[in-house]
Each structure stands twice: as structure tokens, then as C-alpha cells.
């Protein structure tokens, strides 16, 4: 499985690189803090696969990286995606290393 660090994500954002960011957390979690990605809760992924880009880098994140890794496994095994990257440590790593002003939970 491909992955990238929060520092690498920050670099992509800072350099205005083209990618898709997908947040697989639940809506109540997104209300606490967000990286402004497309919100597709983990349990909705199978019915919303068509919303996931196939022509650019797609970064999938959750709170800590476990749910997003499971989503990537599912998408790679069942839908042949090859452009997915798991955000190591999830939004908690982002808060710790990039933006400590965000609320952690």
C-alpha cells in the first residue's frame, strides 16, 4: 500500500499540486476538525466508488490511518485502484505535526 506523511501532504497543498483528498471519518468527527477533503464515510465507500478519481493521486485519511488503510485495501482489491495513498497517522498526525491549533479528539 502506498502512503505519505502529513509533511508530504502539506507540501502538495503548499505547491498547489493536483490531488483528491478523501476523508472516510464519520460526519460527527468531521465536525470536530477537517482537512476539507471530500467526505465519504467508510461505510459509504462501496456505493460511492464513482466519486473517487482514477486519473490523479488520491489521498485517503481518517483519524489515525487504520480505517483509511482498510478502505484502500478494499478499493485496490475490488476496484483495481492503483493511485491511492494512505495518510500516515491520519488527522491526528496532521494536528501534531502541522497544525496544533486544530481540535484533537
N, C-alpha and C. Protein backbone atom coordinates (compact mmCIF):
# COMPACT_ATOMS: atom_id res chain seq x y z
N UNK A 1 0.84 -1.19 0.00
CA UNK A 1 0.00 0.00 0.00
C UNK A 1 0.88 1.25 0.00
N UNK A 2 0.53 2.18 -0.86
CA UNK A 2 1.22 3.47 -0.89
C UNK A 2 0.78 4.30 0.30
N UNK A 3 1.69 5.11 0.81
CA UNK A 3 1.33 6.03 1.88
C UNK A 3 2.15 7.30 1.74
N UNK A 4 1.73 8.31 2.45
CA UNK A 4 2.52 9.53 2.52
C UNK A 4 2.35 10.15 3.88
N UNK A 5 3.33 10.95 4.26
CA UNK A 5 3.32 11.58 5.57
C UNK A 5 2.51 12.89 5.52
N UNK A 6 2.20 13.40 6.69
CA UNK A 6 1.48 14.68 6.74
C UNK A 6 2.36 15.80 6.19
N UNK A 7 3.67 15.68 6.34
CA UNK A 7 4.57 16.70 5.77
C UNK A 7 4.52 16.66 4.24
N UNK A 8 4.43 15.46 3.68
CA UNK A 8 4.31 15.34 2.22
C UNK A 8 2.98 15.91 1.74
N UNK A 9 1.90 15.66 2.50
CA UNK A 9 0.60 16.25 2.14
C UNK A 9 0.66 17.76 2.21
N UNK A 10 1.27 18.29 3.25
CA UNK A 10 1.39 19.75 3.37
C UNK A 10 2.14 20.33 2.18
N UNK A 11 3.18 19.63 1.74
CA UNK A 11 3.95 20.08 0.57
C UNK A 11 3.08 20.08 -0.69
N UNK A 12 2.27 19.05 -0.87
CA UNK A 12 1.35 19.02 -2.02
C UNK A 12 0.41 20.22 -1.99
N UNK A 13 -0.14 20.50 -0.81
CA UNK A 13 -1.06 21.63 -0.65
C UNK A 13 -0.34 22.94 -0.92
N UNK A 14 0.83 23.12 -0.30
CA UNK A 14 1.59 24.37 -0.45
C UNK A 14 2.00 24.62 -1.90
N UNK A 15 2.23 23.55 -2.65
CA UNK A 15 2.66 23.68 -4.04
C UNK A 15 1.50 23.64 -5.03
N UNK A 16 0.27 23.67 -4.51
CA UNK A 16 -0.93 23.64 -5.34
C UNK A 16 -0.94 22.48 -6.33
N UNK A 17 -0.43 21.34 -5.89
CA UNK A 17 -0.43 20.16 -6.75
C UNK A 17 -1.84 19.58 -6.82
N UNK A 18 -2.11 18.91 -7.94
CA UNK A 18 -3.45 18.35 -8.15
C UNK A 18 -3.53 16.97 -7.51
N UNK A 19 -4.51 16.80 -6.63
CA UNK A 19 -4.78 15.52 -6.00
C UNK A 19 -6.19 15.58 -5.43
N UNK A 20 -6.70 14.43 -5.03
CA UNK A 20 -8.01 14.37 -4.40
C UNK A 20 -7.79 13.88 -2.97
N UNK A 21 -8.42 14.54 -2.02
CA UNK A 21 -8.32 14.16 -0.61
C UNK A 21 -9.68 13.63 -0.17
N UNK A 22 -9.70 12.41 0.34
CA UNK A 22 -10.94 11.79 0.77
C UNK A 22 -10.87 11.50 2.27
N UNK A 23 -11.86 11.98 2.99
CA UNK A 23 -11.98 11.79 4.43
C UNK A 23 -13.02 10.70 4.68
N UNK A 24 -12.60 9.57 5.26
CA UNK A 24 -13.52 8.45 5.45
C UNK A 24 -14.06 8.39 6.88
N UNK A 25 -13.89 9.47 7.64
CA UNK A 25 -14.42 9.51 9.00
C UNK A 25 -15.93 9.76 8.98
N UNK A 26 -16.54 9.59 10.14
CA UNK A 26 -17.97 9.82 10.30
C UNK A 26 -18.25 11.32 10.36
N UNK A 27 -19.48 11.75 9.98
CA UNK A 27 -19.80 13.18 9.97
C UNK A 27 -19.53 13.89 11.30
N UNK A 28 -19.82 13.24 12.42
CA UNK A 28 -19.59 13.90 13.72
C UNK A 28 -18.09 14.16 13.94
N UNK A 29 -17.22 13.32 13.37
CA UNK A 29 -15.78 13.53 13.50
C UNK A 29 -15.33 14.71 12.64
N UNK A 30 -15.90 14.80 11.45
CA UNK A 30 -15.55 15.88 10.53
C UNK A 30 -15.95 17.23 11.13
N UNK A 31 -17.04 17.24 11.91
CA UNK A 31 -17.47 18.48 12.56
C UNK A 31 -16.44 18.98 13.57
N UNK A 32 -15.67 18.08 14.15
CA UNK A 32 -14.67 18.46 15.15
C UNK A 32 -13.47 19.13 14.48
N UNK A 33 -12.98 18.51 13.42
CA UNK A 33 -11.83 19.05 12.69
C UNK A 33 -11.82 18.45 11.29
N UNK A 34 -11.30 19.21 10.34
CA UNK A 34 -11.32 18.73 8.95
C UNK A 34 -10.13 19.26 8.17
N UNK A 35 -9.74 18.50 7.16
CA UNK A 35 -8.73 18.95 6.20
C UNK A 35 -9.40 19.36 4.89
N UNK A 36 -10.73 19.48 4.93
CA UNK A 36 -11.53 19.93 3.79
C UNK A 36 -11.46 19.01 2.58
N UNK A 37 -11.38 17.72 2.84
CA UNK A 37 -11.44 16.75 1.76
C UNK A 37 -12.88 16.40 1.44
N UNK A 38 -13.05 15.53 0.47
CA UNK A 38 -14.38 15.02 0.14
C UNK A 38 -14.77 14.03 1.23
N UNK A 39 -15.93 14.23 1.82
CA UNK A 39 -16.37 13.37 2.91
C UNK A 39 -17.14 12.16 2.36
N UNK A 40 -16.54 10.98 2.51
CA UNK A 40 -17.20 9.72 2.16
C UNK A 40 -16.96 8.78 3.33
N UNK A 41 -17.90 8.71 4.28
CA UNK A 41 -17.70 7.82 5.42
C UNK A 41 -17.39 6.39 4.96
N UNK A 42 -16.58 5.71 5.73
CA UNK A 42 -16.09 4.38 5.36
C UNK A 42 -17.21 3.46 4.89
N UNK A 43 -18.32 3.45 5.59
CA UNK A 43 -19.41 2.52 5.23
C UNK A 43 -20.11 2.91 3.93
N UNK A 44 -19.87 4.11 3.42
CA UNK A 44 -20.48 4.55 2.16
C UNK A 44 -19.57 4.34 0.94
N UNK A 45 -18.34 3.96 1.18
CA UNK A 45 -17.37 3.80 0.08
C UNK A 45 -17.89 2.87 -1.02
N UNK A 46 -18.42 1.65 -0.69
CA UNK A 46 -18.84 0.76 -1.79
C UNK A 46 -19.86 1.37 -2.74
N UNK A 47 -20.74 2.23 -2.25
CA UNK A 47 -21.76 2.84 -3.08
C UNK A 47 -21.33 4.15 -3.72
N UNK A 48 -20.13 4.63 -3.39
CA UNK A 48 -19.70 5.92 -3.90
C UNK A 48 -18.34 5.84 -4.60
N UNK A 49 -17.98 4.66 -5.04
CA UNK A 49 -16.69 4.45 -5.70
C UNK A 49 -16.52 5.38 -6.90
N UNK A 50 -17.60 5.68 -7.59
CA UNK A 50 -17.52 6.53 -8.79
C UNK A 50 -17.10 7.96 -8.47
N UNK A 51 -17.09 8.36 -7.20
CA UNK A 51 -16.66 9.70 -6.82
C UNK A 51 -15.14 9.78 -6.61
N UNK A 52 -14.48 8.64 -6.67
CA UNK A 52 -13.05 8.59 -6.41
C UNK A 52 -12.29 8.66 -7.73
N UNK A 53 -11.40 9.62 -7.83
CA UNK A 53 -10.64 9.85 -9.07
C UNK A 53 -9.75 8.66 -9.42
N UNK A 54 -9.62 8.42 -10.70
CA UNK A 54 -8.71 7.38 -11.17
C UNK A 54 -7.55 7.98 -11.97
N UNK A 55 -7.62 9.29 -12.23
CA UNK A 55 -6.64 9.93 -13.11
C UNK A 55 -5.67 10.85 -12.38
N UNK A 56 -5.66 10.79 -11.04
CA UNK A 56 -4.72 11.59 -10.27
C UNK A 56 -4.51 10.93 -8.91
N UNK A 57 -3.55 11.45 -8.17
CA UNK A 57 -3.24 10.93 -6.84
C UNK A 57 -4.45 11.15 -5.93
N UNK A 58 -4.82 10.11 -5.20
CA UNK A 58 -5.93 10.18 -4.25
C UNK A 58 -5.37 9.84 -2.87
N UNK A 59 -5.51 10.78 -1.95
CA UNK A 59 -5.04 10.58 -0.58
C UNK A 59 -6.27 10.33 0.29
N UNK A 60 -6.25 9.21 1.00
CA UNK A 60 -7.37 8.81 1.84
C UNK A 60 -6.92 8.97 3.30
N UNK A 61 -7.78 9.59 4.12
CA UNK A 61 -7.40 9.75 5.52
C UNK A 61 -8.58 9.52 6.44
N UNK A 62 -8.23 9.24 7.69
CA UNK A 62 -9.21 9.09 8.76
C UNK A 62 -8.60 9.73 10.01
N UNK A 63 -8.94 9.23 11.17
CA UNK A 63 -8.41 9.80 12.40
C UNK A 63 -6.95 9.41 12.61
N UNK A 64 -6.65 8.11 12.47
CA UNK A 64 -5.29 7.65 12.78
C UNK A 64 -4.61 6.89 11.64
N UNK A 65 -5.35 6.54 10.60
CA UNK A 65 -4.77 5.84 9.47
C UNK A 65 -5.25 4.41 9.30
N UNK A 66 -5.95 3.86 10.29
CA UNK A 66 -6.38 2.47 10.20
C UNK A 66 -7.58 2.30 9.27
N UNK A 67 -8.62 3.11 9.45
CA UNK A 67 -9.81 2.99 8.58
C UNK A 67 -9.45 3.30 7.14
N UNK A 68 -8.64 4.32 6.93
CA UNK A 68 -8.26 4.67 5.56
C UNK A 68 -7.46 3.54 4.92
N UNK A 69 -6.63 2.86 5.68
CA UNK A 69 -5.89 1.71 5.15
C UNK A 69 -6.86 0.60 4.75
N UNK A 70 -7.88 0.37 5.55
CA UNK A 70 -8.89 -0.65 5.22
C UNK A 70 -9.64 -0.27 3.95
N UNK A 71 -9.97 1.00 3.80
CA UNK A 71 -10.67 1.47 2.60
C UNK A 71 -9.79 1.27 1.37
N UNK A 72 -8.53 1.61 1.49
CA UNK A 72 -7.61 1.44 0.36
C UNK A 72 -7.49 -0.04 -0.01
N UNK A 73 -7.36 -0.90 0.99
CA UNK A 73 -7.30 -2.35 0.71
C UNK A 73 -8.53 -2.78 -0.08
N UNK A 74 -9.70 -2.35 0.37
CA UNK A 74 -10.96 -2.71 -0.30
C UNK A 74 -10.95 -2.21 -1.75
N UNK A 75 -10.60 -0.95 -1.95
CA UNK A 75 -10.64 -0.36 -3.29
C UNK A 75 -9.61 -0.99 -4.23
N UNK A 76 -8.43 -1.30 -3.71
CA UNK A 76 -7.41 -1.92 -4.55
C UNK A 76 -7.80 -3.34 -4.93
N UNK A 77 -8.35 -4.08 -3.98
CA UNK A 77 -8.69 -5.48 -4.24
C UNK A 77 -9.95 -5.64 -5.08
N UNK A 78 -10.94 -4.76 -4.89
CA UNK A 78 -12.23 -4.94 -5.54
C UNK A 78 -12.47 -4.02 -6.74
N UNK A 79 -11.70 -2.95 -6.86
CA UNK A 79 -11.94 -1.99 -7.94
C UNK A 79 -10.66 -1.61 -8.69
N UNK A 80 -9.58 -2.31 -8.40
CA UNK A 80 -8.31 -2.16 -9.13
C UNK A 80 -7.71 -0.75 -9.11
N UNK A 81 -7.96 0.01 -8.05
CA UNK A 81 -7.32 1.32 -7.93
C UNK A 81 -5.82 1.13 -7.74
N UNK A 82 -5.05 2.03 -8.35
CA UNK A 82 -3.59 1.98 -8.20
C UNK A 82 -3.02 3.36 -7.91
N UNK A 83 -3.88 4.30 -7.59
CA UNK A 83 -3.45 5.68 -7.37
C UNK A 83 -3.79 6.18 -5.97
N UNK A 84 -3.94 5.24 -5.01
CA UNK A 84 -4.37 5.60 -3.67
C UNK A 84 -3.20 5.66 -2.70
N UNK A 85 -3.26 6.62 -1.78
CA UNK A 85 -2.22 6.82 -0.77
C UNK A 85 -2.88 6.99 0.59
N UNK A 86 -2.39 6.26 1.57
CA UNK A 86 -2.89 6.37 2.93
C UNK A 86 -2.11 7.47 3.65
N UNK A 87 -2.82 8.37 4.33
CA UNK A 87 -2.16 9.41 5.11
C UNK A 87 -1.70 8.81 6.43
N UNK A 88 -0.39 8.66 6.59
CA UNK A 88 0.18 8.04 7.78
C UNK A 88 -0.19 8.83 9.03
N UNK A 89 -0.80 8.14 9.98
CA UNK A 89 -1.17 8.79 11.25
C UNK A 89 -2.45 9.58 11.20
N UNK A 90 -3.05 9.71 10.03
CA UNK A 90 -4.33 10.40 9.88
C UNK A 90 -4.31 11.84 10.33
N UNK A 91 -5.50 12.32 10.65
CA UNK A 91 -5.63 13.73 11.04
C UNK A 91 -4.96 14.01 12.38
N UNK A 92 -4.81 12.98 13.20
CA UNK A 92 -4.11 13.19 14.47
C UNK A 92 -2.64 13.56 14.23
N UNK A 93 -2.01 12.93 13.25
CA UNK A 93 -0.63 13.29 12.90
C UNK A 93 -0.57 14.70 12.32
N UNK A 94 -1.59 15.05 11.52
CA UNK A 94 -1.65 16.41 10.96
C UNK A 94 -1.70 17.44 12.09
N UNK A 95 -2.55 17.18 13.07
CA UNK A 95 -2.68 18.11 14.20
C UNK A 95 -1.36 18.20 14.97
N UNK A 96 -0.74 17.05 15.21
CA UNK A 96 0.50 17.02 15.99
C UNK A 96 1.67 17.67 15.27
N UNK A 97 1.78 17.43 13.96
CA UNK A 97 2.98 17.87 13.24
C UNK A 97 2.80 19.14 12.40
N UNK A 98 1.58 19.45 11.98
CA UNK A 98 1.37 20.55 11.05
C UNK A 98 0.55 21.69 11.66
N UNK A 99 -0.58 21.36 12.25
CA UNK A 99 -1.50 22.41 12.73
C UNK A 99 -2.03 22.09 14.13
N UNK A 100 -1.24 22.39 15.16
CA UNK A 100 -1.66 22.09 16.52
C UNK A 100 -2.83 22.95 17.02
N UNK A 101 -3.26 23.92 16.21
CA UNK A 101 -4.42 24.71 16.63
C UNK A 101 -5.73 23.98 16.39
N UNK A 102 -5.70 22.91 15.59
CA UNK A 102 -6.91 22.15 15.34
C UNK A 102 -7.26 21.32 16.56
N UNK A 103 -8.55 21.09 16.74
CA UNK A 103 -9.00 20.31 17.90
C UNK A 103 -8.79 18.83 17.65
N UNK A 104 -8.11 18.18 18.58
CA UNK A 104 -7.92 16.72 18.51
C UNK A 104 -9.02 16.05 19.32
N UNK A 105 -9.28 14.80 19.00
CA UNK A 105 -10.30 14.05 19.73
C UNK A 105 -9.89 12.60 19.83
